[in-house]
PDB file of N, CA and C in Angstrom:
ATOM      1  N   MET A   1    -163.109  66.526  91.971  1.00  0.00           N
ATOM      2  CA  MET A   1    -162.940  66.674  90.545  1.00  0.00           C
ATOM      3  C   MET A   1    -162.493  68.090  90.223  1.00  0.00           C
ATOM      4  N   LYS A   2    -161.499  68.219  89.368  1.00  0.00           N
ATOM      5  CA  LYS A   2    -160.978  69.519  88.988  1.00  0.00           C
ATOM      6  C   LYS A   2    -161.929  70.237  88.041  1.00  0.00           C
ATOM      7  N   PHE A   3    -161.997  71.540  88.214  1.00  0.00           N
ATOM      8  CA  PHE A   3    -162.766  72.384  87.321  1.00  0.00           C
ATOM      9  C   PHE A   3    -161.835  72.894  86.215  1.00  0.00           C
ATOM     10  N   LYS A   4    -162.401  73.171  85.052  1.00  0.00           N
ATOM     11  CA  LYS A   4    -161.638  73.786  83.967  1.00  0.00           C
ATOM     12  C   LYS A   4    -161.528  75.280  84.271  1.00  0.00           C
ATOM     13  N   LEU A   5    -160.343  75.845  84.042  1.00  0.00           N
ATOM     14  CA  LEU A   5    -160.124  77.272  84.296  1.00  0.00           C
ATOM     15  C   LEU A   5    -160.052  78.045  82.988  1.00  0.00           C
ATOM     16  N   ILE A   6    -160.721  79.188  82.974  1.00  0.00           N
ATOM     17  CA  ILE A   6    -160.616  80.129  81.871  1.00  0.00           C
ATOM     18  C   ILE A   6    -160.175  81.458  82.491  1.00  0.00           C
ATOM     19  N   VAL A   7    -159.078  82.007  82.004  1.00  0.00           N
ATOM     20  CA  VAL A   7    -158.566  83.280  82.520  1.00  0.00           C
ATOM     21  C   VAL A   7    -158.942  84.367  81.517  1.00  0.00           C
ATOM     22  N   SER A   8    -159.695  85.357  81.983  1.00  0.00           N
ATOM     23  CA  SER A   8    -160.144  86.440  81.108  1.00  0.00           C
ATOM     24  C   SER A   8    -158.959  87.293  80.657  1.00  0.00           C
ATOM     25  N   ASP A   9    -159.179  88.038  79.587  1.00  0.00           N
ATOM     26  CA  ASP A   9    -158.131  88.942  79.095  1.00  0.00           C
ATOM     27  C   ASP A   9    -157.777  89.993  80.136  1.00  0.00           C
ATOM     28  N   GLU A  10    -158.776  90.456  80.875  1.00  0.00           N
ATOM     29  CA  GLU A  10    -158.526  91.450  81.924  1.00  0.00           C
ATOM     30  C   GLU A  10    -157.641  90.877  83.023  1.00  0.00           C
ATOM     31  N   ALA A  11    -157.912  89.633  83.423  1.00  0.00           N
ATOM     32  CA  ALA A  11    -157.100  88.995  84.455  1.00  0.00           C
ATOM     33  C   ALA A  11    -155.675  88.767  83.960  1.00  0.00           C
ATOM     34  N   LYS A  12    -155.536  88.364  82.699  1.00  0.00           N
ATOM     35  CA  LYS A  12    -154.194  88.192  82.128  1.00  0.00           C
ATOM     36  C   LYS A  12    -153.432  89.508  82.154  1.00  0.00           C
ATOM     37  N   ALA A  13    -154.114  90.602  81.812  1.00  0.00           N
ATOM     38  CA  ALA A  13    -153.474  91.918  81.836  1.00  0.00           C
ATOM     39  C   ALA A  13    -153.082  92.313  83.266  1.00  0.00           C
ATOM     40  N   ASP A  14    -153.939  91.999  84.243  1.00  0.00           N
ATOM     41  CA  ASP A  14    -153.638  92.293  85.647  1.00  0.00           C
ATOM     42  C   ASP A  14    -152.363  91.564  86.086  1.00  0.00           C
ATOM     43  N   VAL A  15    -152.267  90.279  85.743  1.00  0.00           N
ATOM     44  CA  VAL A  15    -151.103  89.471  86.123  1.00  0.00           C
ATOM     45  C   VAL A  15    -149.860  89.972  85.415  1.00  0.00           C
ATOM     46  N   GLU A  16    -149.983  90.292  84.140  1.00  0.00           N
ATOM     47  CA  GLU A  16    -148.828  90.792  83.387  1.00  0.00           C
ATOM     48  C   GLU A  16    -148.335  92.118  83.965  1.00  0.00           C
ATOM     49  N   HIS A  17    -149.267  92.990  84.316  1.00  0.00           N
ATOM     50  CA  HIS A  17    -148.899  94.284  84.901  1.00  0.00           C
ATOM     51  C   HIS A  17    -148.151  94.080  86.226  1.00  0.00           C
ATOM     52  N   ALA A  18    -148.658  93.196  87.078  1.00  0.00           N
ATOM     53  CA  ALA A  18    -148.011  92.929  88.366  1.00  0.00           C
ATOM     54  C   ALA A  18    -146.635  92.297  88.152  1.00  0.00           C
ATOM     55  N   TYR A  19    -146.561  91.342  87.234  1.00  0.00           N
ATOM     56  CA  TYR A  19    -145.284  90.684  86.949  1.00  0.00           C
ATOM     57  C   TYR A  19    -144.250  91.709  86.492  1.00  0.00           C
ATOM     58  N   LEU A  20    -144.632  92.570  85.555  1.00  0.00           N
ATOM     59  CA  LEU A  20    -143.695  93.582  85.049  1.00  0.00           C
ATOM     60  C   LEU A  20    -143.305  94.580  86.127  1.00  0.00           C
ATOM     61  N   TYR A  21    -144.242  94.904  87.019  1.00  0.00           N
ATOM     62  CA  TYR A  21    -143.928  95.788  88.133  1.00  0.00           C
ATOM     63  C   TYR A  21    -142.835  95.165  89.004  1.00  0.00           C
ATOM     64  N   TYR A  22    -143.038  93.922  89.422  1.00  0.00           N
ATOM     65  CA  TYR A  22    -142.042  93.248  90.261  1.00  0.00           C
ATOM     66  C   TYR A  22    -140.721  93.088  89.514  1.00  0.00           C
ATOM     67  N   ARG A  23    -140.786  92.829  88.234  1.00  0.00           N
ATOM     68  CA  ARG A  23    -139.566  92.617  87.441  1.00  0.00           C
ATOM     69  C   ARG A  23    -138.743  93.904  87.342  1.00  0.00           C
ATOM     70  N   THR A  24    -139.405  95.041  87.142  1.00  0.00           N
ATOM     71  CA  THR A  24    -138.676  96.305  86.973  1.00  0.00           C
ATOM     72  C   THR A  24    -138.343  96.982  88.298  1.00  0.00           C
ATOM     73  N   LYS A  25    -139.229  96.863  89.288  1.00  0.00           N
ATOM     74  CA  LYS A  25    -139.017  97.571  90.562  1.00  0.00           C
ATOM     75  C   LYS A  25    -138.259  96.750  91.592  1.00  0.00           C
ATOM     76  N   VAL A  26    -138.312  95.424  91.480  1.00  0.00           N
ATOM     77  CA  VAL A  26    -137.621  94.584  92.458  1.00  0.00           C
ATOM     78  C   VAL A  26    -136.566  93.764  91.724  1.00  0.00           C
ATOM     79  N   ASN A  27    -136.919  92.549  91.285  1.00  0.00           N
ATOM     80  CA  ASN A  27    -135.994  91.754  90.473  1.00  0.00           C
ATOM     81  C   ASN A  27    -136.734  90.587  89.827  1.00  0.00           C
ATOM     82  N   LYS A  28    -136.050  89.897  88.940  1.00  0.00           N
ATOM     83  CA  LYS A  28    -136.667  88.802  88.180  1.00  0.00           C
ATOM     84  C   LYS A  28    -137.118  87.666  89.090  1.00  0.00           C
ATOM     85  N   LYS A  29    -136.335  87.365  90.123  1.00  0.00           N
ATOM     86  CA  LYS A  29    -136.686  86.262  91.019  1.00  0.00           C
ATOM     87  C   LYS A  29    -138.025  86.525  91.715  1.00  0.00           C
ATOM     88  N   VAL A  30    -138.218  87.738  92.210  1.00  0.00           N
ATOM     89  CA  VAL A  30    -139.474  88.090  92.874  1.00  0.00           C
ATOM     90  C   VAL A  30    -140.631  88.020  91.875  1.00  0.00           C
ATOM     91  N   ALA A  31    -140.415  88.506  90.660  1.00  0.00           N
ATOM     92  CA  ALA A  31    -141.453  88.448  89.630  1.00  0.00           C
ATOM     93  C   ALA A  31    -141.808  87.002  89.296  1.00  0.00           C
ATOM     94  N   ASP A  32    -140.795  86.158  89.147  1.00  0.00           N
ATOM     95  CA  ASP A  32    -141.046  84.742  88.856  1.00  0.00           C
ATOM     96  C   ASP A  32    -141.785  84.059  90.008  1.00  0.00           C
ATOM     97  N   ASN A  33    -141.420  84.418  91.238  1.00  0.00           N
ATOM     98  CA  ASN A  33    -142.109  83.846  92.400  1.00  0.00           C
ATOM     99  C   ASN A  33    -143.568  84.310  92.475  1.00  0.00           C
ATOM    100  N   PHE A  34    -143.813  85.562  92.058  1.00  0.00           N
ATOM    101  CA  PHE A  34    -145.191  86.048  91.979  1.00  0.00           C
ATOM    102  C   PHE A  34    -145.994  85.170  91.018  1.00  0.00           C
ATOM    103  N   PHE A  35    -145.429  84.901  89.843  1.00  0.00           N
ATOM    104  CA  PHE A  35    -146.142  84.090  88.851  1.00  0.00           C
ATOM    105  C   PHE A  35    -146.361  82.662  89.352  1.00  0.00           C
ATOM    106  N   LYS A  36    -145.370  82.098  90.043  1.00  0.00           N
ATOM    107  CA  LYS A  36    -145.529  80.757  90.616  1.00  0.00           C
ATOM    108  C   LYS A  36    -146.650  80.739  91.657  1.00  0.00           C
ATOM    109  N   ASP A  37    -146.719  81.782  92.487  1.00  0.00           N
ATOM    110  CA  ASP A  37    -147.774  81.876  93.496  1.00  0.00           C
ATOM    111  C   ASP A  37    -149.141  81.984  92.816  1.00  0.00           C
ATOM    112  N   PHE A  38    -149.210  82.750  91.726  1.00  0.00           N
ATOM    113  CA  PHE A  38    -150.462  82.872  90.979  1.00  0.00           C
ATOM    114  C   PHE A  38    -150.892  81.513  90.426  1.00  0.00           C
ATOM    115  N   LYS A  39    -149.967  80.797  89.803  1.00  0.00           N
ATOM    116  CA  LYS A  39    -150.278  79.476  89.237  1.00  0.00           C
ATOM    117  C   LYS A  39    -150.701  78.495  90.341  1.00  0.00           C
ATOM    118  N   SER A  40    -150.037  78.558  91.479  1.00  0.00           N
ATOM    119  CA  SER A  40    -150.392  77.702  92.600  1.00  0.00           C
ATOM    120  C   SER A  40    -151.808  78.012  93.091  1.00  0.00           C
ATOM    121  N   SER A  41    -152.142  79.285  93.137  1.00  0.00           N
ATOM    122  CA  SER A  41    -153.492  79.695  93.553  1.00  0.00           C
ATOM    123  C   SER A  41    -154.538  79.190  92.569  1.00  0.00           C
ATOM    124  N   LEU A  42    -154.216  79.243  91.275  1.00  0.00           N
ATOM    125  CA  LEU A  42    -155.147  78.722  90.267  1.00  0.00           C
ATOM    126  C   LEU A  42    -155.364  77.228  90.454  1.00  0.00           C
ATOM    127  N   ASN A  43    -154.296  76.514  90.753  1.00  0.00           N
ATOM    128  CA  ASN A  43    -154.400  75.079  90.991  1.00  0.00           C
ATOM    129  C   ASN A  43    -155.302  74.791  92.197  1.00  0.00           C
ATOM    130  N   THR A  44    -155.135  75.563  93.248  1.00  0.00           N
ATOM    131  CA  THR A  44    -155.973  75.408  94.443  1.00  0.00           C
ATOM    132  C   THR A  44    -157.438  75.694  94.115  1.00  0.00           C
ATOM    133  N   ILE A  45    -157.685  76.759  93.363  1.00  0.00           N
ATOM    134  CA  ILE A  45    -159.048  77.127  92.981  1.00  0.00           C
ATOM    135  C   ILE A  45    -159.682  76.028  92.134  1.00  0.00           C
ATOM    136  N   SER A  46    -158.925  75.451  91.206  1.00  0.00           N
ATOM    137  CA  SER A  46    -159.493  74.425  90.317  1.00  0.00           C
ATOM    138  C   SER A  46    -159.882  73.158  91.087  1.00  0.00           C
ATOM    139  N   ARG A  47    -159.163  72.871  92.173  1.00  0.00           N
ATOM    140  CA  ARG A  47    -159.466  71.684  92.977  1.00  0.00           C
ATOM    141  C   ARG A  47    -160.598  71.929  93.971  1.00  0.00           C
ATOM    142  N   ASN A  48    -160.634  73.139  94.544  1.00  0.00           N
ATOM    143  CA  ASN A  48    -161.659  73.483  95.528  1.00  0.00           C
ATOM    144  C   ASN A  48    -162.029  74.959  95.349  1.00  0.00           C
ATOM    145  N   PRO A  49    -163.010  75.251  94.508  1.00  0.00           N
ATOM    146  CA  PRO A  49    -163.299  76.644  94.160  1.00  0.00           C
ATOM    147  C   PRO A  49    -164.192  77.397  95.143  1.00  0.00           C
ATOM    148  N   TYR A  50    -164.653  76.758  96.183  1.00  0.00           N
ATOM    149  CA  TYR A  50    -165.683  77.382  97.015  1.00  0.00           C
ATOM    150  C   TYR A  50    -165.104  78.238  98.138  1.00  0.00           C
ATOM    151  N   PHE A  51    -164.354  79.272  97.732  1.00  0.00           N
ATOM    152  CA  PHE A  51    -163.844  80.247  98.688  1.00  0.00           C
ATOM    153  C   PHE A  51    -164.910  81.321  98.897  1.00  0.00           C
ATOM    154  N   LYS A  52    -164.623  82.264  99.754  1.00  0.00           N
ATOM    155  CA  LYS A  52    -165.578  83.298 100.147  1.00  0.00           C
ATOM    156  C   LYS A  52    -166.219  83.976  98.940  1.00  0.00           C
ATOM    157  N   ILE A  53    -167.541  84.179  99.037  1.00  0.00           N
ATOM    158  CA  ILE A  53    -168.243  84.978  98.033  1.00  0.00           C
ATOM    159  C   ILE A  53    -168.127  86.429  98.476  1.00  0.00           C
ATOM    160  N   TRP A  54    -167.518  87.252  97.633  1.00  0.00           N
ATOM    161  CA  TRP A  54    -167.297  88.652  97.984  1.00  0.00           C
ATOM    162  C   TRP A  54    -168.515  89.505  97.666  1.00  0.00           C
ATOM    163  N   PHE A  55    -169.174  89.215  96.563  1.00  0.00           N
ATOM    164  CA  PHE A  55    -170.427  89.887  96.202  1.00  0.00           C
ATOM    165  C   PHE A  55    -171.032  89.161  95.014  1.00  0.00           C
ATOM    166  N   GLU A  56    -172.347  89.226  94.931  1.00  0.00           N
ATOM    167  CA  GLU A  56    -173.106  88.544  93.889  1.00  0.00           C
ATOM    168  C   GLU A  56    -172.573  87.123  93.698  1.00  0.00           C
ATOM    169  N   ASP A  57    -172.094  86.802  92.506  1.00  0.00           N
ATOM    170  CA  ASP A  57    -171.595  85.449  92.232  1.00  0.00           C
ATOM    171  C   ASP A  57    -170.075  85.373  92.210  1.00  0.00           C
ATOM    172  N   PHE A  58    -169.390  86.415  92.643  1.00  0.00           N
ATOM    173  CA  PHE A  58    -167.933  86.448  92.575  1.00  0.00           C
ATOM    174  C   PHE A  58    -167.299  85.898  93.844  1.00  0.00           C
ATOM    175  N   HIS A  59    -166.515  84.857  93.671  1.00  0.00           N
ATOM    176  CA  HIS A  59    -165.714  84.308  94.759  1.00  0.00           C
ATOM    177  C   HIS A  59    -164.357  85.000  94.722  1.00  0.00           C
ATOM    178  N   GLY A  60    -163.639  84.961  95.832  1.00  0.00           N
ATOM    179  CA  GLY A  60    -162.315  85.556  95.885  1.00  0.00           C
ATOM    180  C   GLY A  60    -161.342  84.666  96.637  1.00  0.00           C
ATOM    181  N   LYS A  61    -160.134  84.564  96.114  1.00  0.00           N
ATOM    182  CA  LYS A  61    -159.073  83.768  96.743  1.00  0.00           C
ATOM    183  C   LYS A  61    -157.832  84.639  96.858  1.00  0.00           C
ATOM    184  N   LEU A  62    -157.340  84.805  98.081  1.00  0.00           N
ATOM    185  CA  LEU A  62    -156.094  85.539  98.280  1.00  0.00           C
ATOM    186  C   LEU A  62    -154.918  84.669  97.870  1.00  0.00           C
ATOM    187  N   MET A  63    -153.943  85.282  97.216  1.00  0.00           N
ATOM    188  CA  MET A  63    -152.718  84.554  96.912  1.00  0.00           C
ATOM    189  C   MET A  63    -151.966  84.346  98.215  1.00  0.00           C
ATOM    190  N   LYS A  64    -151.157  83.304  98.267  1.00  0.00           N
ATOM    191  CA  LYS A  64    -150.516  82.910  99.515  1.00  0.00           C
ATOM    192  C   LYS A  64    -149.434  83.896  99.975  1.00  0.00           C
ATOM    193  N   LYS A  65    -148.551  84.303  99.061  1.00  0.00           N
ATOM    194  CA  LYS A  65    -147.400  85.110  99.465  1.00  0.00           C
ATOM    195  C   LYS A  65    -147.443  86.556  98.992  1.00  0.00           C
ATOM    196  N   TYR A  66    -148.333  86.873  98.076  1.00  0.00           N
ATOM    197  CA  TYR A  66    -148.383  88.219  97.497  1.00  0.00           C
ATOM    198  C   TYR A  66    -149.756  88.830  97.775  1.00  0.00           C
ATOM    199  N   PRO A  67    -149.818  90.176  97.900  1.00  0.00           N
ATOM    200  CA  PRO A  67    -151.072  90.827  98.289  1.00  0.00           C
ATOM    201  C   PRO A  67    -152.045  91.016  97.120  1.00  0.00           C
ATOM    202  N   PHE A  68    -152.470  89.903  96.539  1.00  0.00           N
ATOM    203  CA  PHE A  68    -153.399  89.952  95.417  1.00  0.00           C
ATOM    204  C   PHE A  68    -154.593  89.061  95.695  1.00  0.00           C
ATOM    205  N   LEU A  69    -155.745  89.490  95.196  1.00  0.00           N
ATOM    206  CA  LEU A  69    -157.001  88.777  95.361  1.00  0.00           C
ATOM    207  C   LEU A  69    -157.495  88.373  93.977  1.00  0.00           C
ATOM    208  N   ILE A  70    -157.744  87.087  93.796  1.00  0.00           N
ATOM    209  CA  ILE A  70    -158.201  86.555  92.511  1.00  0.00           C
ATOM    210  C   ILE A  70    -159.722  86.417  92.579  1.00  0.00           C
ATOM    211  N   PHE A  71    -160.422  87.132  91.689  1.00  0.00           N
ATOM    212  CA  PHE A  71    -161.873  87.066  91.616  1.00  0.00           C
ATOM    213  C   PHE A  71    -162.293  86.146  90.488  1.00  0.00           C
ATOM    214  N   TYR A  72    -163.314  85.318  90.754  1.00  0.00           N
ATOM    215  CA  TYR A  72    -163.752  84.373  89.743  1.00  0.00           C
ATOM    216  C   TYR A  72    -165.216  83.988  89.962  1.00  0.00           C
ATOM    217  N   THR A  73    -165.815  83.452  88.897  1.00  0.00           N
ATOM    218  CA  THR A  73    -167.164  82.904  88.964  1.00  0.00           C
ATOM    219  C   THR A  73    -167.096  81.412  88.670  1.00  0.00           C
ATOM    220  N   ILE A  74    -168.115  80.693  89.119  1.00  0.00           N
ATOM    221  CA  ILE A  74    -168.159  79.239  88.955  1.00  0.00           C
ATOM    222  C   ILE A  74    -169.426  78.848  88.196  1.00  0.00           C
ATOM    223  N   ASP A  75    -169.250  78.042  87.162  1.00  0.00           N
ATOM    224  CA  ASP A  75    -170.378  77.396  86.498  1.00  0.00           C
ATOM    225  C   ASP A  75    -170.344  75.942  86.960  1.00  0.00           C
ATOM    226  N   LYS A  76    -171.162  75.625  87.955  1.00  0.00           N
ATOM    227  CA  LYS A  76    -171.130  74.292  88.570  1.00  0.00           C
ATOM    228  C   LYS A  76    -171.528  73.199  87.595  1.00  0.00           C
ATOM    229  N   ASN A  77    -172.492  73.480  86.736  1.00  0.00           N
ATOM    230  CA  ASN A  77    -172.972  72.466  85.796  1.00  0.00           C
ATOM    231  C   ASN A  77    -171.922  72.111  84.749  1.00  0.00           C
ATOM    232  N   ALA A  78    -171.239  73.117  84.224  1.00  0.00           N
ATOM    233  CA  ALA A  78    -170.226  72.877  83.188  1.00  0.00           C
ATOM    234  C   ALA A  78    -168.856  72.586  83.789  1.00  0.00           C
ATOM    235  N   LYS A  79    -168.725  72.725  85.129  1.00  0.00           N
ATOM    236  CA  LYS A  79    -167.440  72.528  85.814  1.00  0.00           C
ATOM    237  C   LYS A  79    -166.373  73.476  85.252  1.00  0.00           C
ATOM    238  N   VAL A  80    -166.763  74.762  85.114  1.00  0.00           N
ATOM    239  CA  VAL A  80    -165.871  75.781  84.559  1.00  0.00           C
ATOM    240  C   VAL A  80    -165.770  76.938  85.544  1.00  0.00           C
ATOM    241  N   ILE A  81    -164.557  77.424  85.721  1.00  0.00           N
ATOM    242  CA  ILE A  81    -164.293  78.607  86.536  1.00  0.00           C
ATOM    243  C   ILE A  81    -163.712  79.671  85.620  1.00  0.00           C
ATOM    244  N   VAL A  82    -164.277  80.873  85.694  1.00  0.00           N
ATOM    245  CA  VAL A  82    -163.765  81.994  84.907  1.00  0.00           C
ATOM    246  C   VAL A  82    -163.081  82.968  85.857  1.00  0.00           C
ATOM    247  N   ILE A  83    -161.771  83.114  85.677  1.00  0.00           N
ATOM    248  CA  ILE A  83    -160.999  84.083  86.457  1.00  0.00           C
ATOM    249  C   ILE A  83    -161.257  85.449  85.839  1.00  0.00           C
ATOM    250  N   SER A  84    -161.892  86.335  86.613  1.00  0.00           N
ATOM    251  CA  SER A  84    -162.312  87.625  86.068  1.00  0.00           C
ATOM    252  C   SER A  84    -161.251  88.706  86.199  1.00  0.00           C
ATOM    253  N   ARG A  85    -160.707  88.848  87.390  1.00  0.00           N
ATOM    254  CA  ARG A  85    -159.706  89.888  87.644  1.00  0.00           C
ATOM    255  C   ARG A  85    -158.754  89.428  88.735  1.00  0.00           C
ATOM    256  N   VAL A  86    -157.587  90.081  88.784  1.00  0.00           N
ATOM    257  CA  VAL A  86    -156.586  89.841  89.823  1.00  0.00           C
ATOM    258  C   VAL A  86    -156.209  91.219  90.359  1.00  0.00           C
ATOM    259  N   PHE A  87    -156.652  91.519  91.578  1.00  0.00           N
ATOM    260  CA  PHE A  87    -156.477  92.851  92.149  1.00  0.00           C
ATOM    261  C   PHE A  87    -155.454  92.869  93.269  1.00  0.00           C
ATOM    262  N   HIS A  88    -154.645  93.920  93.278  1.00  0.00           N
ATOM    263  CA  HIS A  88    -153.781  94.190  94.418  1.00  0.00           C
ATOM    264  C   HIS A  88    -154.704  94.617  95.548  1.00  0.00           C
ATOM    265  N   THR A  89    -154.490  94.107  96.732  1.00  0.00           N
ATOM    266  CA  THR A  89    -155.425  94.342  97.836  1.00  0.00           C
ATOM    267  C   THR A  89    -155.452  95.786  98.328  1.00  0.00           C
ATOM    268  N   SER A  90    -154.504  96.624  97.912  1.00  0.00           N
ATOM    269  CA  SER A  90    -154.543  98.023  98.326  1.00  0.00           C
ATOM    270  C   SER A  90    -155.358  98.879  97.357  1.00  0.00           C
ATOM    271  N   GLN A  91    -155.873  98.282  96.273  1.00  0.00           N
ATOM    272  CA  GLN A  91    -156.700  99.046  95.344  1.00  0.00           C
ATOM    273  C   GLN A  91    -158.060  99.320  95.949  1.00  0.00           C
ATOM    274  N   ASN A  92    -158.730 100.325  95.426  1.00  0.00           N
ATOM    275  CA  ASN A  92    -160.058 100.701  95.876  1.00  0.00           C
ATOM    276  C   ASN A  92    -161.048  99.560  95.625  1.00  0.00           C
ATOM    277  N   PRO A  93    -161.731  99.071  96.657  1.00  0.00           N
ATOM    278  CA  PRO A  93    -162.680  97.952  96.474  1.00  0.00           C
ATOM    279  C   PRO A  93    -163.805  98.271  95.494  1.00  0.00           C
ATOM    280  N   GLU A  94    -164.086  99.546  95.263  1.00  0.00           N
ATOM    281  CA  GLU A  94    -165.134  99.904  94.302  1.00  0.00           C
ATOM    282  C   GLU A  94    -164.721  99.556  92.870  1.00  0.00           C
ATOM    283  N   LYS A  95    -163.440  99.278  92.645  1.00  0.00           N
ATOM    284  CA  LYS A  95    -162.980  98.900  91.323  1.00  0.00           C
ATOM    285  C   LYS A  95    -163.122  97.397  91.084  1.00  0.00           C
ATOM    286  N   TYR A  96    -163.479  96.632  92.128  1.00  0.00           N
ATOM    287  CA  TYR A  96    -163.643  95.184  91.963  1.00  0.00           C
ATOM    288  C   TYR A  96    -164.736  94.917  90.940  1.00  0.00           C
ATOM    289  N   PRO A  97    -164.682  93.767  90.293  1.00  0.00           N
ATOM    290  CA  PRO A  97    -165.674  93.484  89.233  1.00  0.00           C
ATOM    291  C   PRO A  97    -167.098  93.443  89.759  1.00  0.00           C
TER     292      PRO A  97
END
């Protein structure tokens, strides 16, 4: 059974920042492919959310083609997943949620 996804404002800002980076520094095709990979990762998470727990209640899912880690929490009773942040894997781990 699929879980409902809620993407936090912080996660939306993270994705927008990455998209704009790829769009300005590389090209539109790479930026669009980044967004497709993000959406695909969300689809995977909604179908099977039980990826590695990184700390406390935060699970993490690496994107398939881009170096980003999607952090989220799961409310099993309500069948809701909250996407908290989307981090580039070269960022300082102390900045993780």
